[in-house]
């Protein structure tokens, strides 16, 4: 039996709410294309907690996480945290796609295509 990790833990509710109420401009921009099942009919959620982490976007049915990163993720300390977090989430059975904020501004159509292709791959 698959090891099920808690989703939307009560202890992380305040953090999830804070992140949803104060999204970055890039999160808002991408959310306009993810919400309401606009990507191939898949339901994405914003600021979902999985295990002890809050992720930017998640399709729970496909176990697909989308993360948006800014310049702070270039710092070596943050990179180590990101690697550990990503490893933990992968061990929980999730697939993770990361995009830089600048990619949302400059290559939005390509980003959406990558997400759609990943959804198709995970759905088959």
C-alpha atoms as a PDB file:
ATOM      1  CA  UNK A   1       0.000   0.000   0.000  1.00  0.00           C
ATOM      2  CA  UNK A   2       1.220   3.474  -0.898  1.00  0.00           C
ATOM      3  CA  UNK A   3       2.512   5.647   1.925  1.00  0.00           C
ATOM      4  CA  UNK A   4      -0.084   8.436   2.117  1.00  0.00           C
ATOM      5  CA  UNK A   5       1.186  11.758   3.444  1.00  0.00           C
ATOM      6  CA  UNK A   6      -1.163  14.319   4.965  1.00  0.00           C
ATOM      7  CA  UNK A   7      -2.524  17.000   2.650  1.00  0.00           C
ATOM      8  CA  UNK A   8      -3.595  20.376   4.035  1.00  0.00           C
ATOM      9  CA  UNK A   9      -2.612  19.749   7.633  1.00  0.00           C
ATOM     10  CA  UNK A  10      -4.518  21.889  10.079  1.00  0.00           C
ATOM     11  CA  UNK A  11      -1.232  23.115  11.606  1.00  0.00           C
ATOM     12  CA  UNK A  12      -0.260  24.728   8.262  1.00  0.00           C
ATOM     13  CA  UNK A  13      -3.622  26.374   7.586  1.00  0.00           C
ATOM     14  CA  UNK A  14      -2.451  29.864   8.604  1.00  0.00           C
ATOM     15  CA  UNK A  15       0.586  29.672   6.320  1.00  0.00           C
ATOM     16  CA  UNK A  16      -1.508  28.412   3.400  1.00  0.00           C
ATOM     17  CA  UNK A  17      -4.016  31.214   3.901  1.00  0.00           C
ATOM     18  CA  UNK A  18      -1.279  33.847   4.156  1.00  0.00           C
ATOM     19  CA  UNK A  19       0.320  32.647   0.917  1.00  0.00           C
ATOM     20  CA  UNK A  20      -3.024  32.551  -0.893  1.00  0.00           C
ATOM     21  CA  UNK A  21      -3.905  36.049   0.284  1.00  0.00           C
ATOM     22  CA  UNK A  22      -0.488  37.487  -0.673  1.00  0.00           C
ATOM     23  CA  UNK A  23       0.489  35.793  -3.914  1.00  0.00           C
ATOM     24  CA  UNK A  24       3.421  36.955  -5.983  1.00  0.00           C
ATOM     25  CA  UNK A  25       2.593  38.592  -9.333  1.00  0.00           C
ATOM     26  CA  UNK A  26       3.896  35.461 -11.092  1.00  0.00           C
ATOM     27  CA  UNK A  27       1.677  33.174  -9.039  1.00  0.00           C
ATOM     28  CA  UNK A  28      -1.334  35.335  -9.895  1.00  0.00           C
ATOM     29  CA  UNK A  29      -0.444  35.294 -13.578  1.00  0.00           C
ATOM     30  CA  UNK A  30      -0.003  31.515 -13.751  1.00  0.00           C
ATOM     31  CA  UNK A  31      -3.098  30.892 -11.607  1.00  0.00           C
ATOM     32  CA  UNK A  32      -5.250  32.571 -14.283  1.00  0.00           C
ATOM     33  CA  UNK A  33      -4.330  29.659 -16.572  1.00  0.00           C
ATOM     34  CA  UNK A  34      -4.457  26.835 -14.021  1.00  0.00           C
ATOM     35  CA  UNK A  35      -7.734  27.581 -12.257  1.00  0.00           C
ATOM     36  CA  UNK A  36     -11.125  26.311 -13.343  1.00  0.00           C
ATOM     37  CA  UNK A  37      -9.623  23.169 -14.944  1.00  0.00           C
ATOM     38  CA  UNK A  38      -8.211  25.162 -17.872  1.00  0.00           C
ATOM     39  CA  UNK A  39      -5.267  22.787 -18.353  1.00  0.00           C
ATOM     40  CA  UNK A  40      -6.747  19.709 -19.996  1.00  0.00           C
ATOM     41  CA  UNK A  41      -9.559  19.536 -17.429  1.00  0.00           C
ATOM     42  CA  UNK A  42      -7.233  18.980 -14.457  1.00  0.00           C
ATOM     43  CA  UNK A  43      -8.033  20.574 -11.112  1.00  0.00           C
ATOM     44  CA  UNK A  44      -5.161  22.562  -9.666  1.00  0.00           C
ATOM     45  CA  UNK A  45      -5.133  24.065  -6.187  1.00  0.00           C
ATOM     46  CA  UNK A  46      -3.071  26.946  -4.831  1.00  0.00           C
ATOM     47  CA  UNK A  47      -0.931  26.791  -1.712  1.00  0.00           C
ATOM     48  CA  UNK A  48      -1.511  23.190  -0.755  1.00  0.00           C
ATOM     49  CA  UNK A  49       0.353  21.663   2.156  1.00  0.00           C
ATOM     50  CA  UNK A  50       1.790  18.226   1.536  1.00  0.00           C
ATOM     51  CA  UNK A  51       3.464  16.562   4.468  1.00  0.00           C
ATOM     52  CA  UNK A  52       5.223  19.541   6.118  1.00  0.00           C
ATOM     53  CA  UNK A  53       5.582  21.717   3.020  1.00  0.00           C
ATOM     54  CA  UNK A  54       3.358  24.302   1.352  1.00  0.00           C
ATOM     55  CA  UNK A  55       3.605  24.122  -2.431  1.00  0.00           C
ATOM     56  CA  UNK A  56       2.595  26.823  -4.898  1.00  0.00           C
ATOM     57  CA  UNK A  57       0.258  24.735  -7.079  1.00  0.00           C
ATOM     58  CA  UNK A  58      -0.794  21.100  -7.007  1.00  0.00           C
ATOM     59  CA  UNK A  59      -2.975  18.742  -9.005  1.00  0.00           C
ATOM     60  CA  UNK A  60      -3.703  16.098  -6.388  1.00  0.00           C
ATOM     61  CA  UNK A  61      -5.183  13.617  -8.885  1.00  0.00           C
ATOM     62  CA  UNK A  62      -1.954  13.563 -10.916  1.00  0.00           C
ATOM     63  CA  UNK A  63       0.298  14.171  -7.899  1.00  0.00           C
ATOM     64  CA  UNK A  64       1.843  17.057  -9.848  1.00  0.00           C
ATOM     65  CA  UNK A  65       3.383  20.046  -8.077  1.00  0.00           C
ATOM     66  CA  UNK A  66       4.267  23.300  -9.808  1.00  0.00           C
ATOM     67  CA  UNK A  67       6.669  25.615  -8.026  1.00  0.00           C
ATOM     68  CA  UNK A  68       7.630  29.157  -9.016  1.00  0.00           C
ATOM     69  CA  UNK A  69      11.045  30.364  -7.926  1.00  0.00           C
ATOM     70  CA  UNK A  70      12.532  33.819  -7.631  1.00  0.00           C
ATOM     71  CA  UNK A  71      16.106  34.939  -7.101  1.00  0.00           C
ATOM     72  CA  UNK A  72      16.142  33.840  -3.463  1.00  0.00           C
ATOM     73  CA  UNK A  73      16.303  30.250  -4.675  1.00  0.00           C
ATOM     74  CA  UNK A  74      19.782  30.901  -6.107  1.00  0.00           C
ATOM     75  CA  UNK A  75      21.323  31.179  -2.634  1.00  0.00           C
ATOM     76  CA  UNK A  76      23.255  27.994  -1.705  1.00  0.00           C
ATOM     77  CA  UNK A  77      21.441  27.608   1.619  1.00  0.00           C
ATOM     78  CA  UNK A  78      18.063  27.852  -0.091  1.00  0.00           C
ATOM     79  CA  UNK A  79      19.187  25.459  -2.819  1.00  0.00           C
ATOM     80  CA  UNK A  80      19.992  22.832  -0.173  1.00  0.00           C
ATOM     81  CA  UNK A  81      16.572  23.338   1.425  1.00  0.00           C
ATOM     82  CA  UNK A  82      14.912  23.069  -1.990  1.00  0.00           C
ATOM     83  CA  UNK A  83      16.768  19.822  -2.742  1.00  0.00           C
ATOM     84  CA  UNK A  84      15.717  18.293   0.563  1.00  0.00           C
ATOM     85  CA  UNK A  85      12.120  19.449   0.126  1.00  0.00           C
ATOM     86  CA  UNK A  86      12.004  18.151  -3.440  1.00  0.00           C
ATOM     87  CA  UNK A  87      13.418  14.782  -2.373  1.00  0.00           C
ATOM     88  CA  UNK A  88      10.826  14.457   0.383  1.00  0.00           C
ATOM     89  CA  UNK A  89       7.976  15.321  -1.985  1.00  0.00           C
ATOM     90  CA  UNK A  90       9.239  12.906  -4.644  1.00  0.00           C
ATOM     91  CA  UNK A  91       9.391  10.203  -1.955  1.00  0.00           C
ATOM     92  CA  UNK A  92       5.723  10.965  -1.281  1.00  0.00           C
ATOM     93  CA  UNK A  93       5.016  10.116  -4.927  1.00  0.00           C
ATOM     94  CA  UNK A  94       4.800  13.626  -6.382  1.00  0.00           C
ATOM     95  CA  UNK A  95       6.270  14.943  -9.610  1.00  0.00           C
ATOM     96  CA  UNK A  96       7.610  18.496  -9.413  1.00  0.00           C
ATOM     97  CA  UNK A  97       8.014  21.091 -12.135  1.00  0.00           C
ATOM     98  CA  UNK A  98       9.913  24.273 -11.286  1.00  0.00           C
ATOM     99  CA  UNK A  99       9.821  27.511 -13.233  1.00  0.00           C
ATOM    100  CA  UNK A 100      11.636  30.760 -12.657  1.00  0.00           C
ATOM    101  CA  UNK A 101       9.445  33.835 -12.245  1.00  0.00           C
ATOM    102  CA  UNK A 102      11.087  35.318 -15.344  1.00  0.00           C
ATOM    103  CA  UNK A 103       9.864  32.325 -17.371  1.00  0.00           C
ATOM    104  CA  UNK A 104       6.287  33.223 -16.469  1.00  0.00           C
ATOM    105  CA  UNK A 105       6.869  36.731 -17.820  1.00  0.00           C
ATOM    106  CA  UNK A 106       8.858  35.830 -20.913  1.00  0.00           C
ATOM    107  CA  UNK A 107       7.724  32.334 -21.955  1.00  0.00           C
ATOM    108  CA  UNK A 108       4.224  31.841 -20.559  1.00  0.00           C
ATOM    109  CA  UNK A 109       2.942  29.903 -23.581  1.00  0.00           C
ATOM    110  CA  UNK A 110       5.893  27.513 -23.391  1.00  0.00           C
ATOM    111  CA  UNK A 111       5.386  27.089 -19.625  1.00  0.00           C
ATOM    112  CA  UNK A 112       1.726  26.224 -20.187  1.00  0.00           C
ATOM    113  CA  UNK A 113       2.694  23.734 -22.898  1.00  0.00           C
ATOM    114  CA  UNK A 114       5.216  22.053 -20.569  1.00  0.00           C
ATOM    115  CA  UNK A 115       2.541  21.772 -17.859  1.00  0.00           C
ATOM    116  CA  UNK A 116       0.009  20.369 -20.327  1.00  0.00           C
ATOM    117  CA  UNK A 117       2.486  17.795 -21.658  1.00  0.00           C
ATOM    118  CA  UNK A 118       3.430  16.725 -18.128  1.00  0.00           C
ATOM    119  CA  UNK A 119      -0.266  16.327 -17.263  1.00  0.00           C
ATOM    120  CA  UNK A 120      -0.794  14.163 -20.356  1.00  0.00           C
ATOM    121  CA  UNK A 121       2.216  12.045 -19.464  1.00  0.00           C
ATOM    122  CA  UNK A 122       1.082  11.524 -15.880  1.00  0.00           C
ATOM    123  CA  UNK A 123      -2.505  10.839 -16.936  1.00  0.00           C
ATOM    124  CA  UNK A 124      -1.604   7.959 -19.256  1.00  0.00           C
END
